[in-house]
Amino acid sequence: MQVLVVLAHPNEDSFSHALAHRACEALRAAGHGVNLLDLYALGFRAAMSADEREAYHSDEPMLDPMVAEHAALVQAADALVLVYPTWWSAQPAILKGWFERVFVPGVGFKFNAKGKVRPGLGNLRHLVGISTYGSPWGYVKAINDNGRRTLTRTVRMSAGRSARTKWLGLYAIDTATAQDRARFLDKVDATMRAL
């Protein structure tokens, strides 16, 4: 299976980086092909430009070669793994911008002959979210866990209903012990090996 791992955290020494690298190691150990996109390290621009918005519904919606490269990787993947910290109840802006710029018409969705939206990423069989939260689980649940909903509902609709979703969240990371973090790394490892 070909797996695309997308990492969205600006600090190389972050726990998100440790999670992404552990996920990649486990996936490779299980025999999967892995591509890692570290959005901050790549200098990915989150904001859609006016020219990109103008081109959005054209035959050529991607003006940036990096965006086109990322779209090709998404379209070639069997699984998409997103690794990021939950900030303000959602993904970091760079990841939200990645969705907006990469999942354009023809990639994230298509229109049928009647003009109705249809999934564009039927190639994706697995969607996995790995995130950390500053808040405890009960608080996150009370405010709807928007980042998780984006993956398990919105992105899943782009992949089609047959895509399986998996969510791994480490809650209250600010008070998590070294043991808590180690257990979560092991959970990520085991989940990726079983994907």
Protein backbone atom coordinates (compact mmCIF):
# COMPACT_ATOMS: atom_id res chain seq x y z
CA MET A 1 0.00 0.00 0.00
CA GLN A 2 1.20 3.55 -0.73
CA VAL A 3 0.77 5.92 2.22
CA LEU A 4 1.01 9.71 2.24
CA VAL A 5 1.83 11.20 5.66
CA VAL A 6 1.21 14.94 6.02
CA LEU A 7 2.84 16.68 8.98
CA ALA A 8 1.81 20.16 10.12
CA HIS A 9 3.93 21.52 12.99
CA PRO A 10 6.54 24.28 12.75
CA ASN A 11 9.00 22.94 15.36
CA GLU A 12 11.28 20.07 14.38
CA ASP A 13 11.63 19.00 18.03
CA SER A 14 7.85 18.81 18.56
CA PHE A 15 5.96 15.74 19.67
CA SER A 16 4.06 15.93 16.35
CA HIS A 17 7.36 15.37 14.54
CA ALA A 18 8.12 12.39 16.78
CA LEU A 19 4.64 11.00 16.01
CA ALA A 20 5.05 11.46 12.25
CA HIS A 21 8.46 9.81 12.22
CA ARG A 22 7.23 6.90 14.35
CA ALA A 23 4.25 6.47 12.02
CA CYS A 24 6.53 6.43 8.96
CA GLU A 25 8.90 3.91 10.55
CA ALA A 26 6.02 1.59 11.48
CA LEU A 27 4.44 1.85 8.03
CA ARG A 28 7.75 1.03 6.33
CA ALA A 29 8.32 -1.87 8.74
CA ALA A 30 4.91 -3.20 7.69
CA GLY A 31 6.02 -3.12 4.04
CA HIS A 32 4.18 0.00 2.89
CA GLY A 33 5.60 2.69 0.64
CA VAL A 34 5.64 6.05 2.44
CA ASN A 35 5.87 9.67 1.35
CA LEU A 36 6.19 12.31 4.07
CA LEU A 37 5.18 15.92 3.44
CA ASP A 38 6.42 18.20 6.22
CA LEU A 39 4.44 21.29 5.24
CA TYR A 40 6.45 23.79 7.29
CA ALA A 41 9.82 22.38 6.22
CA LEU A 42 8.67 22.56 2.59
CA GLY A 43 7.61 26.19 3.00
CA PHE A 44 4.08 25.38 1.88
CA ARG A 45 2.04 28.58 1.51
CA ALA A 46 -1.28 28.22 3.33
CA ALA A 47 -3.13 31.13 1.75
CA MET A 48 -4.82 30.69 -1.60
CA SER A 49 -3.83 33.56 -3.89
CA ALA A 50 -6.29 35.65 -5.86
CA ASP A 51 -5.00 34.04 -9.07
CA GLU A 52 -5.55 30.55 -7.61
CA ARG A 53 -9.09 31.46 -6.60
CA GLU A 54 -9.73 32.77 -10.09
CA ALA A 55 -8.41 29.50 -11.57
CA TYR A 56 -10.24 27.29 -9.03
CA HIS A 57 -13.07 26.21 -11.37
CA SER A 58 -10.99 26.29 -14.54
CA ASP A 59 -9.42 23.35 -16.36
CA GLU A 60 -6.10 24.24 -14.67
CA PRO A 61 -6.92 24.98 -11.01
CA MET A 62 -3.36 24.44 -9.73
CA LEU A 63 -0.94 27.22 -10.55
CA ASP A 64 1.78 26.29 -8.03
CA PRO A 65 4.03 23.32 -9.00
CA MET A 66 4.30 22.27 -5.33
CA VAL A 67 0.51 22.08 -5.05
CA ALA A 68 0.35 19.98 -8.24
CA GLU A 69 3.04 17.66 -6.84
CA HIS A 70 1.10 17.23 -3.59
CA ALA A 71 -2.12 16.56 -5.49
CA ALA A 72 -0.39 13.85 -7.52
CA LEU A 73 0.85 12.22 -4.30
CA VAL A 74 -2.67 12.29 -2.82
CA GLN A 75 -4.11 10.76 -5.99
CA ALA A 76 -1.47 7.99 -5.96
CA ALA A 77 -1.98 7.10 -2.28
CA ASP A 78 -4.04 4.28 -0.83
CA ALA A 79 -3.95 5.88 2.63
CA LEU A 80 -3.66 9.42 3.96
CA VAL A 81 -2.27 10.04 7.44
CA LEU A 82 -2.50 13.54 8.93
CA VAL A 83 -0.30 14.43 11.91
CA TYR A 84 -0.80 17.77 13.63
CA PRO A 85 -1.53 19.54 16.91
CA THR A 86 -5.09 20.71 17.45
CA TRP A 87 -5.01 24.48 17.84
CA TRP A 88 -8.18 26.53 18.39
CA SER A 89 -10.26 23.37 18.00
CA ALA A 90 -9.00 22.63 14.49
CA GLN A 91 -5.99 22.01 12.26
CA PRO A 92 -3.14 24.52 12.07
CA ALA A 93 -3.76 27.09 9.32
CA ILE A 94 -1.11 25.52 7.10
CA LEU A 95 -3.02 22.23 6.98
CA LYS A 96 -6.36 23.93 6.37
CA GLY A 97 -4.70 25.86 3.55
CA TRP A 98 -3.26 22.61 2.19
CA PHE A 99 -6.78 21.19 1.92
CA GLU A 100 -8.05 24.34 0.20
CA ARG A 101 -5.20 24.48 -2.32
CA VAL A 102 -4.71 20.74 -3.01
CA PHE A 103 -8.25 19.32 -2.82
CA VAL A 104 -9.47 21.43 -5.74
CA PRO A 105 -12.06 20.34 -8.32
CA GLY A 106 -10.70 17.33 -10.17
CA VAL A 107 -8.75 16.20 -7.11
CA GLY A 108 -10.84 16.39 -3.94
CA PHE A 109 -14.14 16.21 -5.79
CA LYS A 110 -15.61 15.97 -9.27
CA PHE A 111 -18.85 16.98 -10.91
CA ASN A 112 -21.00 14.39 -12.67
CA ALA A 113 -22.96 15.05 -15.89
CA LYS A 114 -25.78 16.64 -13.86
CA GLY A 115 -23.38 18.97 -12.06
CA LYS A 116 -23.57 17.13 -8.74
CA VAL A 117 -20.49 16.83 -6.56
CA ARG A 118 -18.95 13.37 -6.40
CA PRO A 119 -15.88 12.04 -4.53
CA GLY A 120 -12.60 12.65 -6.30
CA LEU A 121 -10.33 10.52 -4.15
CA GLY A 122 -11.77 7.03 -4.48
CA ASN A 123 -8.19 5.74 -4.39
CA LEU A 124 -8.00 6.43 -0.64
CA ARG A 125 -8.99 3.36 1.36
CA HIS A 126 -7.73 4.59 4.73
CA LEU A 127 -7.79 7.98 6.43
CA VAL A 128 -5.92 8.36 9.71
CA GLY A 129 -5.71 11.39 11.97
CA ILE A 130 -3.06 11.67 14.67
CA SER A 131 -3.38 14.76 16.83
CA THR A 132 -2.48 16.20 20.19
CA TYR A 133 -4.71 18.45 22.25
CA GLY A 134 -3.98 20.84 25.09
CA SER A 135 -7.46 20.25 26.47
CA PRO A 136 -8.87 17.10 28.09
CA TRP A 137 -11.16 14.79 26.10
CA GLY A 138 -14.41 16.03 27.72
CA TYR A 139 -13.72 19.65 26.75
CA VAL A 140 -12.77 18.68 23.20
CA LYS A 141 -15.97 16.63 22.85
CA ALA A 142 -18.07 19.52 24.15
CA ILE A 143 -16.79 21.84 21.40
CA ASN A 144 -17.27 19.24 18.62
CA ASP A 145 -13.63 18.34 17.86
CA ASN A 146 -13.63 20.18 14.53
CA GLY A 147 -10.31 18.85 13.27
CA ARG A 148 -11.43 15.27 13.76
CA ARG A 149 -14.75 16.01 12.06
CA THR A 150 -12.91 17.50 9.08
CA LEU A 151 -11.08 14.22 8.54
CA THR A 152 -13.79 11.72 9.43
CA ARG A 153 -16.57 13.53 7.60
CA THR A 154 -15.40 16.10 5.04
CA VAL A 155 -12.23 14.39 3.78
CA ARG A 156 -13.98 11.03 3.97
CA MET A 157 -16.69 12.33 1.63
CA SER A 158 -13.92 13.15 -0.87
CA ALA A 159 -12.63 9.60 -0.56
CA GLY A 160 -16.01 7.93 -0.68
CA ARG A 161 -18.00 6.04 1.91
CA SER A 162 -15.90 2.90 1.66
CA ALA A 163 -12.83 4.67 3.07
CA ARG A 164 -12.07 3.60 6.64
CA THR A 165 -11.22 6.27 9.18
CA LYS A 166 -9.10 5.99 12.30
CA TRP A 167 -8.52 8.71 14.89
CA LEU A 168 -5.69 8.76 17.41
CA GLY A 169 -5.75 11.64 19.86
CA LEU A 170 -3.55 12.44 22.83
CA TYR A 171 -5.62 14.71 25.04
CA ALA A 172 -4.34 17.09 27.74
CA ILE A 173 -0.80 16.89 26.37
CA ASP A 174 0.26 19.87 28.50
CA THR A 175 -0.03 17.66 31.61
CA ALA A 176 0.91 14.35 29.96
CA THR A 177 3.80 12.45 31.51
CA ALA A 178 6.71 10.92 29.62
CA GLN A 179 4.94 7.57 30.12
CA ASP A 180 1.73 8.95 28.59
CA ARG A 181 3.66 10.14 25.54
CA ALA A 182 5.54 6.84 25.21
CA ARG A 183 2.27 4.88 25.38
CA PHE A 184 0.77 7.10 22.70
CA LEU A 185 3.81 6.62 20.45
CA ASP A 186 3.40 2.85 20.90
CA LYS A 187 -0.29 3.12 20.02
CA VAL A 188 0.57 5.02 16.82
CA ASP A 189 3.20 2.40 16.00
CA ALA A 190 0.79 -0.50 16.48
CA THR A 191 -1.98 1.21 14.49
CA MET A 192 0.31 1.94 11.54
CA ARG A 193 1.69 -1.61 11.50
CA ALA A 194 -1.89 -2.95 11.38
CA LEU A 195 -3.11 -0.55 8.68
